[in-house]
PDB file of N, CA and C in Angstrom:
ATOM      1  N   MET A   1      31.735  -5.631 -24.701  1.00  0.00           N
ATOM      2  CA  MET A   1      31.658  -5.019 -23.421  1.00  0.00           C
ATOM      3  C   MET A   1      32.960  -4.996 -22.692  1.00  0.00           C
ATOM      4  N   PRO A   2      33.399  -3.847 -22.114  1.00  0.00           N
ATOM      5  CA  PRO A   2      34.663  -3.883 -21.442  1.00  0.00           C
ATOM      6  C   PRO A   2      34.655  -4.648 -20.202  1.00  0.00           C
ATOM      7  N   ARG A   3      35.815  -5.167 -19.845  1.00  0.00           N
ATOM      8  CA  ARG A   3      35.908  -6.063 -18.665  1.00  0.00           C
ATOM      9  C   ARG A   3      35.635  -5.373 -17.376  1.00  0.00           C
ATOM     10  N   ASN A   4      35.907  -4.091 -17.272  1.00  0.00           N
ATOM     11  CA  ASN A   4      35.804  -3.441 -15.969  1.00  0.00           C
ATOM     12  C   ASN A   4      34.442  -2.854 -15.769  1.00  0.00           C
ATOM     13  N   ARG A   5      33.544  -3.126 -16.599  1.00  0.00           N
ATOM     14  CA  ARG A   5      32.110  -2.579 -16.628  1.00  0.00           C
ATOM     15  C   ARG A   5      31.252  -3.760 -16.191  1.00  0.00           C
ATOM     16  N   SER A   6      30.500  -3.612 -15.121  1.00  0.00           N
ATOM     17  CA  SER A   6      29.504  -4.654 -14.722  1.00  0.00           C
ATOM     18  C   SER A   6      28.214  -4.522 -15.313  1.00  0.00           C
ATOM     19  N   LYS A   7      27.484  -5.535 -15.350  1.00  0.00           N
ATOM     20  CA  LYS A   7      26.143  -5.589 -15.951  1.00  0.00           C
ATOM     21  C   LYS A   7      25.270  -4.663 -15.085  1.00  0.00           C
ATOM     22  N   PRO A   8      24.380  -4.033 -15.724  1.00  0.00           N
ATOM     23  CA  PRO A   8      23.332  -3.196 -14.883  1.00  0.00           C
ATOM     24  C   PRO A   8      22.437  -4.028 -14.141  1.00  0.00           C
ATOM     25  N   LYS A   9      21.979  -3.554 -13.002  1.00  0.00           N
ATOM     26  CA  LYS A   9      21.138  -4.311 -12.152  1.00  0.00           C
ATOM     27  C   LYS A   9      19.727  -4.352 -12.811  1.00  0.00           C
ATOM     28  N   LEU A  10      18.994  -5.426 -12.460  1.00  0.00           N
ATOM     29  CA  LEU A  10      17.690  -5.636 -13.002  1.00  0.00           C
ATOM     30  C   LEU A  10      16.688  -4.668 -12.188  1.00  0.00           C
ATOM     31  N   LYS A  11      15.642  -4.282 -12.802  1.00  0.00           N
ATOM     32  CA  LYS A  11      14.612  -3.503 -12.174  1.00  0.00           C
ATOM     33  C   LYS A  11      13.813  -4.414 -11.225  1.00  0.00           C
ATOM     34  N   LEU A  12      13.343  -3.940 -10.095  1.00  0.00           N
ATOM     35  CA  LEU A  12      12.439  -4.685  -9.304  1.00  0.00           C
ATOM     36  C   LEU A  12      10.983  -4.475  -9.713  1.00  0.00           C
ATOM     37  N   LYS A  13      10.131  -5.490  -9.576  1.00  0.00           N
ATOM     38  CA  LYS A  13       8.787  -5.491 -10.091  1.00  0.00           C
ATOM     39  C   LYS A  13       7.921  -5.022  -8.779  1.00  0.00           C
ATOM     40  N   THR A  14       6.988  -4.126  -9.048  1.00  0.00           N
ATOM     41  CA  THR A  14       5.985  -3.637  -8.136  1.00  0.00           C
ATOM     42  C   THR A  14       4.813  -4.733  -7.996  1.00  0.00           C
ATOM     43  N   HIS A  15       4.488  -5.029  -6.790  1.00  0.00           N
ATOM     44  CA  HIS A  15       3.361  -5.898  -6.586  1.00  0.00           C
ATOM     45  C   HIS A  15       2.112  -5.379  -6.982  1.00  0.00           C
ATOM     46  N   ARG A  16       1.395  -5.822  -7.919  1.00  0.00           N
ATOM     47  CA  ARG A  16       0.259  -5.081  -8.612  1.00  0.00           C
ATOM     48  C   ARG A  16      -0.960  -4.918  -7.656  1.00  0.00           C
ATOM     49  N   GLY A  17      -1.149  -5.927  -6.823  1.00  0.00           N
ATOM     50  CA  GLY A  17      -2.208  -5.836  -5.834  1.00  0.00           C
ATOM     51  C   GLY A  17      -1.977  -4.848  -4.783  1.00  0.00           C
ATOM     52  N   ALA A  18      -0.678  -4.718  -4.390  1.00  0.00           N
ATOM     53  CA  ALA A  18      -0.330  -3.675  -3.375  1.00  0.00           C
ATOM     54  C   ALA A  18      -0.406  -2.298  -3.964  1.00  0.00           C
ATOM     55  N   ARG A  19      -0.053  -2.112  -5.290  1.00  0.00           N
ATOM     56  CA  ARG A  19      -0.105  -0.837  -5.916  1.00  0.00           C
ATOM     57  C   ARG A  19      -1.626  -0.303  -5.869  1.00  0.00           C
ATOM     58  N   LYS A  20      -2.511  -1.175  -6.007  1.00  0.00           N
ATOM     59  CA  LYS A  20      -3.872  -0.595  -6.076  1.00  0.00           C
ATOM     60  C   LYS A  20      -4.383  -0.448  -4.595  1.00  0.00           C
ATOM     61  N   ARG A  21      -3.851  -1.022  -3.635  1.00  0.00           N
ATOM     62  CA  ARG A  21      -4.429  -0.957  -2.296  1.00  0.00           C
ATOM     63  C   ARG A  21      -3.755   0.117  -1.403  1.00  0.00           C
ATOM     64  N   PHE A  22      -2.490   0.467  -1.725  1.00  0.00           N
ATOM     65  CA  PHE A  22      -1.753   1.412  -0.790  1.00  0.00           C
ATOM     66  C   PHE A  22      -1.317   2.654  -1.550  1.00  0.00           C
ATOM     67  N   LYS A  23      -1.323   3.758  -0.779  1.00  0.00           N
ATOM     68  CA  LYS A  23      -0.880   5.051  -1.241  1.00  0.00           C
ATOM     69  C   LYS A  23       0.274   5.486  -0.321  1.00  0.00           C
ATOM     70  N   ILE A  24       1.287   6.079  -0.961  1.00  0.00           N
ATOM     71  CA  ILE A  24       2.403   6.635  -0.119  1.00  0.00           C
ATOM     72  C   ILE A  24       2.268   8.215  -0.031  1.00  0.00           C
ATOM     73  N   THR A  25       2.274   8.727   1.119  1.00  0.00           N
ATOM     74  CA  THR A  25       2.136  10.133   1.323  1.00  0.00           C
ATOM     75  C   THR A  25       3.548  10.791   0.916  1.00  0.00           C
ATOM     76  N   ALA A  26       3.459  12.194   0.913  1.00  0.00           N
ATOM     77  CA  ALA A  26       4.621  12.903   0.593  1.00  0.00           C
ATOM     78  C   ALA A  26       5.697  12.800   1.714  1.00  0.00           C
ATOM     79  N   ASN A  27       5.349  12.439   2.903  1.00  0.00           N
ATOM     80  CA  ASN A  27       6.273  12.305   3.995  1.00  0.00           C
ATOM     81  C   ASN A  27       6.740  10.860   4.079  1.00  0.00           C
ATOM     82  N   GLY A  28       6.294   9.900   3.232  1.00  0.00           N
ATOM     83  CA  GLY A  28       6.761   8.643   3.171  1.00  0.00           C
ATOM     84  C   GLY A  28       5.811   7.593   3.977  1.00  0.00           C
ATOM     85  N   LYS A  29       4.762   8.084   4.513  1.00  0.00           N
ATOM     86  CA  LYS A  29       3.888   7.158   5.265  1.00  0.00           C
ATOM     87  C   LYS A  29       3.067   6.490   4.307  1.00  0.00           C
ATOM     88  N   ILE A  30       2.487   5.247   4.675  1.00  0.00           N
ATOM     89  CA  ILE A  30       1.672   4.450   3.819  1.00  0.00           C
ATOM     90  C   ILE A  30       0.352   4.482   4.317  1.00  0.00           C
ATOM     91  N   LYS A  31      -0.613   4.800   3.463  1.00  0.00           N
ATOM     92  CA  LYS A  31      -2.030   4.872   3.777  1.00  0.00           C
ATOM     93  C   LYS A  31      -2.809   3.630   3.143  1.00  0.00           C
ATOM     94  N   ARG A  32      -3.854   3.255   3.808  1.00  0.00           N
ATOM     95  CA  ARG A  32      -4.740   2.137   3.387  1.00  0.00           C
ATOM     96  C   ARG A  32      -6.177   2.384   3.648  1.00  0.00           C
ATOM     97  N   GLY A  33      -7.059   1.689   2.895  1.00  0.00           N
ATOM     98  CA  GLY A  33      -8.444   1.850   3.215  1.00  0.00           C
ATOM     99  C   GLY A  33      -8.950   0.830   4.246  1.00  0.00           C
ATOM    100  N   HIS A  34     -10.147   1.107   4.829  1.00  0.00           N
ATOM    101  CA  HIS A  34     -10.713   0.131   5.775  1.00  0.00           C
ATOM    102  C   HIS A  34     -11.454  -0.877   5.071  1.00  0.00           C
ATOM    103  N   SER A  35     -11.532  -2.062   5.701  1.00  0.00           N
ATOM    104  CA  SER A  35     -12.297  -3.211   5.168  1.00  0.00           C
ATOM    105  C   SER A  35     -13.736  -3.156   5.722  1.00  0.00           C
ATOM    106  N   GLY A  36     -14.611  -4.075   5.302  1.00  0.00           N
ATOM    107  CA  GLY A  36     -16.079  -4.026   5.757  1.00  0.00           C
ATOM    108  C   GLY A  36     -17.026  -3.093   5.126  1.00  0.00           C
ATOM    109  N   LYS A  37     -16.773  -2.760   3.819  1.00  0.00           N
ATOM    110  CA  LYS A  37     -17.687  -1.887   3.078  1.00  0.00           C
ATOM    111  C   LYS A  37     -18.309  -2.405   1.891  1.00  0.00           C
ATOM    112  N   ARG A  38     -18.257  -3.778   1.711  1.00  0.00           N
ATOM    113  CA  ARG A  38     -18.716  -4.417   0.486  1.00  0.00           C
ATOM    114  C   ARG A  38     -20.129  -4.934   0.635  1.00  0.00           C
ATOM    115  N   HIS A  39     -20.541  -5.495   1.738  1.00  0.00           N
ATOM    116  CA  HIS A  39     -21.956  -5.999   1.887  1.00  0.00           C
ATOM    117  C   HIS A  39     -22.328  -5.867   3.263  1.00  0.00           C
ATOM    118  N   LEU A  40     -23.604  -6.225   3.523  1.00  0.00           N
ATOM    119  CA  LEU A  40     -24.252  -6.088   4.940  1.00  0.00           C
ATOM    120  C   LEU A  40     -24.119  -4.766   5.491  1.00  0.00           C
ATOM    121  N   MET A  41     -24.443  -3.763   4.637  1.00  0.00           N
ATOM    122  CA  MET A  41     -24.329  -2.451   5.125  1.00  0.00           C
ATOM    123  C   MET A  41     -25.555  -1.972   5.871  1.00  0.00           C
ATOM    124  N   GLY A  42     -26.609  -2.664   5.898  1.00  0.00           N
ATOM    125  CA  GLY A  42     -27.859  -2.307   6.664  1.00  0.00           C
ATOM    126  C   GLY A  42     -27.740  -2.474   8.132  1.00  0.00           C
ATOM    127  N   THR A  43     -26.732  -3.386   8.575  1.00  0.00           N
ATOM    128  CA  THR A  43     -26.575  -3.573   9.998  1.00  0.00           C
ATOM    129  C   THR A  43     -25.517  -2.675  10.554  1.00  0.00           C
ATOM    130  N   LYS A  44     -24.834  -1.922   9.777  1.00  0.00           N
ATOM    131  CA  LYS A  44     -23.779  -1.036  10.297  1.00  0.00           C
ATOM    132  C   LYS A  44     -24.342   0.320  10.440  1.00  0.00           C
ATOM    133  N   ALA A  45     -24.016   0.966  11.556  1.00  0.00           N
ATOM    134  CA  ALA A  45     -24.478   2.344  11.873  1.00  0.00           C
ATOM    135  C   ALA A  45     -23.811   3.284  10.882  1.00  0.00           C
ATOM    136  N   PRO A  46     -24.606   4.499  10.530  1.00  0.00           N
ATOM    137  CA  PRO A  46     -24.118   5.443   9.600  1.00  0.00           C
ATOM    138  C   PRO A  46     -22.712   6.071  10.066  1.00  0.00           C
ATOM    139  N   GLY A  47     -22.616   6.314  11.256  1.00  0.00           N
ATOM    140  CA  GLY A  47     -21.433   6.837  11.819  1.00  0.00           C
ATOM    141  C   GLY A  47     -20.170   5.879  11.675  1.00  0.00           C
ATOM    142  N   ARG A  48     -20.479   4.644  11.796  1.00  0.00           N
ATOM    143  CA  ARG A  48     -19.439   3.642  11.543  1.00  0.00           C
ATOM    144  C   ARG A  48     -18.985   3.650  10.119  1.00  0.00           C
ATOM    145  N   MET A  49     -20.041   3.745   9.185  1.00  0.00           N
ATOM    146  CA  MET A  49     -19.720   3.707   7.687  1.00  0.00           C
ATOM    147  C   MET A  49     -18.934   4.980   7.354  1.00  0.00           C
ATOM    148  N   ARG A  50     -19.210   6.123   7.951  1.00  0.00           N
ATOM    149  CA  ARG A  50     -18.499   7.316   7.711  1.00  0.00           C
ATOM    150  C   ARG A  50     -17.079   7.211   8.107  1.00  0.00           C
ATOM    151  N   LYS A  51     -16.771   6.531   9.202  1.00  0.00           N
ATOM    152  CA  LYS A  51     -15.338   6.321   9.674  1.00  0.00           C
ATOM    153  C   LYS A  51     -14.714   5.340   8.782  1.00  0.00           C
ATOM    154  N   LEU A  52     -15.359   4.365   8.255  1.00  0.00           N
ATOM    155  CA  LEU A  52     -14.784   3.349   7.344  1.00  0.00           C
ATOM    156  C   LEU A  52     -14.440   3.976   5.980  1.00  0.00           C
ATOM    157  N   LYS A  53     -15.116   5.081   5.590  1.00  0.00           N
ATOM    158  CA  LYS A  53     -14.796   5.697   4.280  1.00  0.00           C
ATOM    159  C   LYS A  53     -13.346   6.247   4.261  1.00  0.00           C
ATOM    160  N   LYS A  54     -12.900   6.708   5.366  1.00  0.00           N
ATOM    161  CA  LYS A  54     -11.682   7.441   5.479  1.00  0.00           C
ATOM    162  C   LYS A  54     -10.470   6.574   5.387  1.00  0.00           C
ATOM    163  N   LEU A  55      -9.308   7.049   4.886  1.00  0.00           N
ATOM    164  CA  LEU A  55      -8.075   6.244   4.866  1.00  0.00           C
ATOM    165  C   LEU A  55      -7.394   6.309   6.248  1.00  0.00           C
ATOM    166  N   THR A  56      -6.654   5.295   6.534  1.00  0.00           N
ATOM    167  CA  THR A  56      -5.845   5.209   7.730  1.00  0.00           C
ATOM    168  C   THR A  56      -4.369   4.763   7.442  1.00  0.00           C
ATOM    169  N   LEU A  57      -3.493   4.921   8.401  1.00  0.00           N
ATOM    170  CA  LEU A  57      -2.092   4.546   8.179  1.00  0.00           C
ATOM    171  C   LEU A  57      -1.977   3.043   8.399  1.00  0.00           C
ATOM    172  N   VAL A  58      -0.999   2.484   7.735  1.00  0.00           N
ATOM    173  CA  VAL A  58      -0.661   1.115   7.827  1.00  0.00           C
ATOM    174  C   VAL A  58       0.038   0.944   9.169  1.00  0.00           C
ATOM    175  N   ASN A  59      -0.210  -0.206   9.883  1.00  0.00           N
ATOM    176  CA  ASN A  59       0.481  -0.413  11.184  1.00  0.00           C
ATOM    177  C   ASN A  59       1.978  -0.545  11.056  1.00  0.00           C
ATOM    178  N   LYS A  60       2.757  -0.096  12.058  1.00  0.00           N
ATOM    179  CA  LYS A  60       4.193  -0.131  11.998  1.00  0.00           C
ATOM    180  C   LYS A  60       4.688  -1.484  11.741  1.00  0.00           C
ATOM    181  N   ALA A  61       4.090  -2.483  12.232  1.00  0.00           N
ATOM    182  CA  ALA A  61       4.538  -3.936  12.074  1.00  0.00           C
ATOM    183  C   ALA A  61       4.513  -4.364  10.592  1.00  0.00           C
ATOM    184  N   ASP A  62       3.563  -3.702   9.837  1.00  0.00           N
ATOM    185  CA  ASP A  62       3.401  -4.125   8.465  1.00  0.00           C
ATOM    186  C   ASP A  62       4.155  -3.183   7.366  1.00  0.00           C
ATOM    187  N   VAL A  63       4.620  -2.099   7.852  1.00  0.00           N
ATOM    188  CA  VAL A  63       5.227  -1.122   6.911  1.00  0.00           C
ATOM    189  C   VAL A  63       6.335  -1.680   6.086  1.00  0.00           C
ATOM    190  N   ALA A  64       7.200  -2.554   6.740  1.00  0.00           N
ATOM    191  CA  ALA A  64       8.387  -3.125   6.056  1.00  0.00           C
ATOM    192  C   ALA A  64       7.950  -3.944   4.870  1.00  0.00           C
ATOM    193  N   SER A  65       6.850  -4.854   5.055  1.00  0.00           N
ATOM    194  CA  SER A  65       6.461  -5.718   4.087  1.00  0.00           C
ATOM    195  C   SER A  65       5.744  -5.010   2.921  1.00  0.00           C
ATOM    196  N   VAL A  66       5.134  -3.886   3.212  1.00  0.00           N
ATOM    197  CA  VAL A  66       4.434  -3.130   2.239  1.00  0.00           C
ATOM    198  C   VAL A  66       5.419  -2.382   1.438  1.00  0.00           C
ATOM    199  N   ARG A  67       6.453  -1.886   1.948  1.00  0.00           N
ATOM    200  CA  ARG A  67       7.584  -1.212   1.290  1.00  0.00           C
ATOM    201  C   ARG A  67       8.274  -2.184   0.386  1.00  0.00           C
ATOM    202  N   GLN A  68       8.408  -3.377   0.783  1.00  0.00           N
ATOM    203  CA  GLN A  68       9.098  -4.380  -0.129  1.00  0.00           C
ATOM    204  C   GLN A  68       8.249  -4.664  -1.322  1.00  0.00           C
ATOM    205  N   MET A  69       6.881  -4.568  -1.204  1.00  0.00           N
ATOM    206  CA  MET A  69       5.999  -4.833  -2.448  1.00  0.00           C
ATOM    207  C   MET A  69       6.033  -3.598  -3.302  1.00  0.00           C
ATOM    208  N   LEU A  70       6.374  -2.425  -2.750  1.00  0.00           N
ATOM    209  CA  LEU A  70       6.278  -1.146  -3.512  1.00  0.00           C
ATOM    210  C   LEU A  70       7.786  -0.524  -3.490  1.00  0.00           C
ATOM    211  N   PRO A  71       8.643  -1.168  -4.277  1.00  0.00           N
ATOM    212  CA  PRO A  71      10.018  -0.717  -4.157  1.00  0.00           C
ATOM    213  C   PRO A  71      10.325   0.733  -4.706  1.00  0.00           C
ATOM    214  N   TYR A  72       9.467   1.214  -5.565  1.00  0.00           N
ATOM    215  CA  TYR A  72       9.708   2.505  -6.100  1.00  0.00           C
ATOM    216  C   TYR A  72       8.666   3.530  -5.686  1.00  0.00           C
ATOM    217  N   GLY A  73       8.095   3.342  -4.429  1.00  0.00           N
ATOM    218  CA  GLY A  73       7.036   4.155  -3.905  1.00  0.00           C
ATOM    219  C   GLY A  73       7.485   5.510  -3.459  1.00  0.00           C
TER     220      GLY A  73
END
């Protein structure tokens, strides 16, 4: 290997749990699902359940940590 050539940088690993939980939009925003849909559905109102189905954006305070887990998002 020539002396003036440096080693190639290692690839970063994607956090596999984050990959399953977050989606990155075309504009670079991060979407997530709501919690509270696994059990005890009988006590929750139908309108509340409809709202929980939809995706929402990740809070601004958490965007940096999610981006770190998804380096190639």
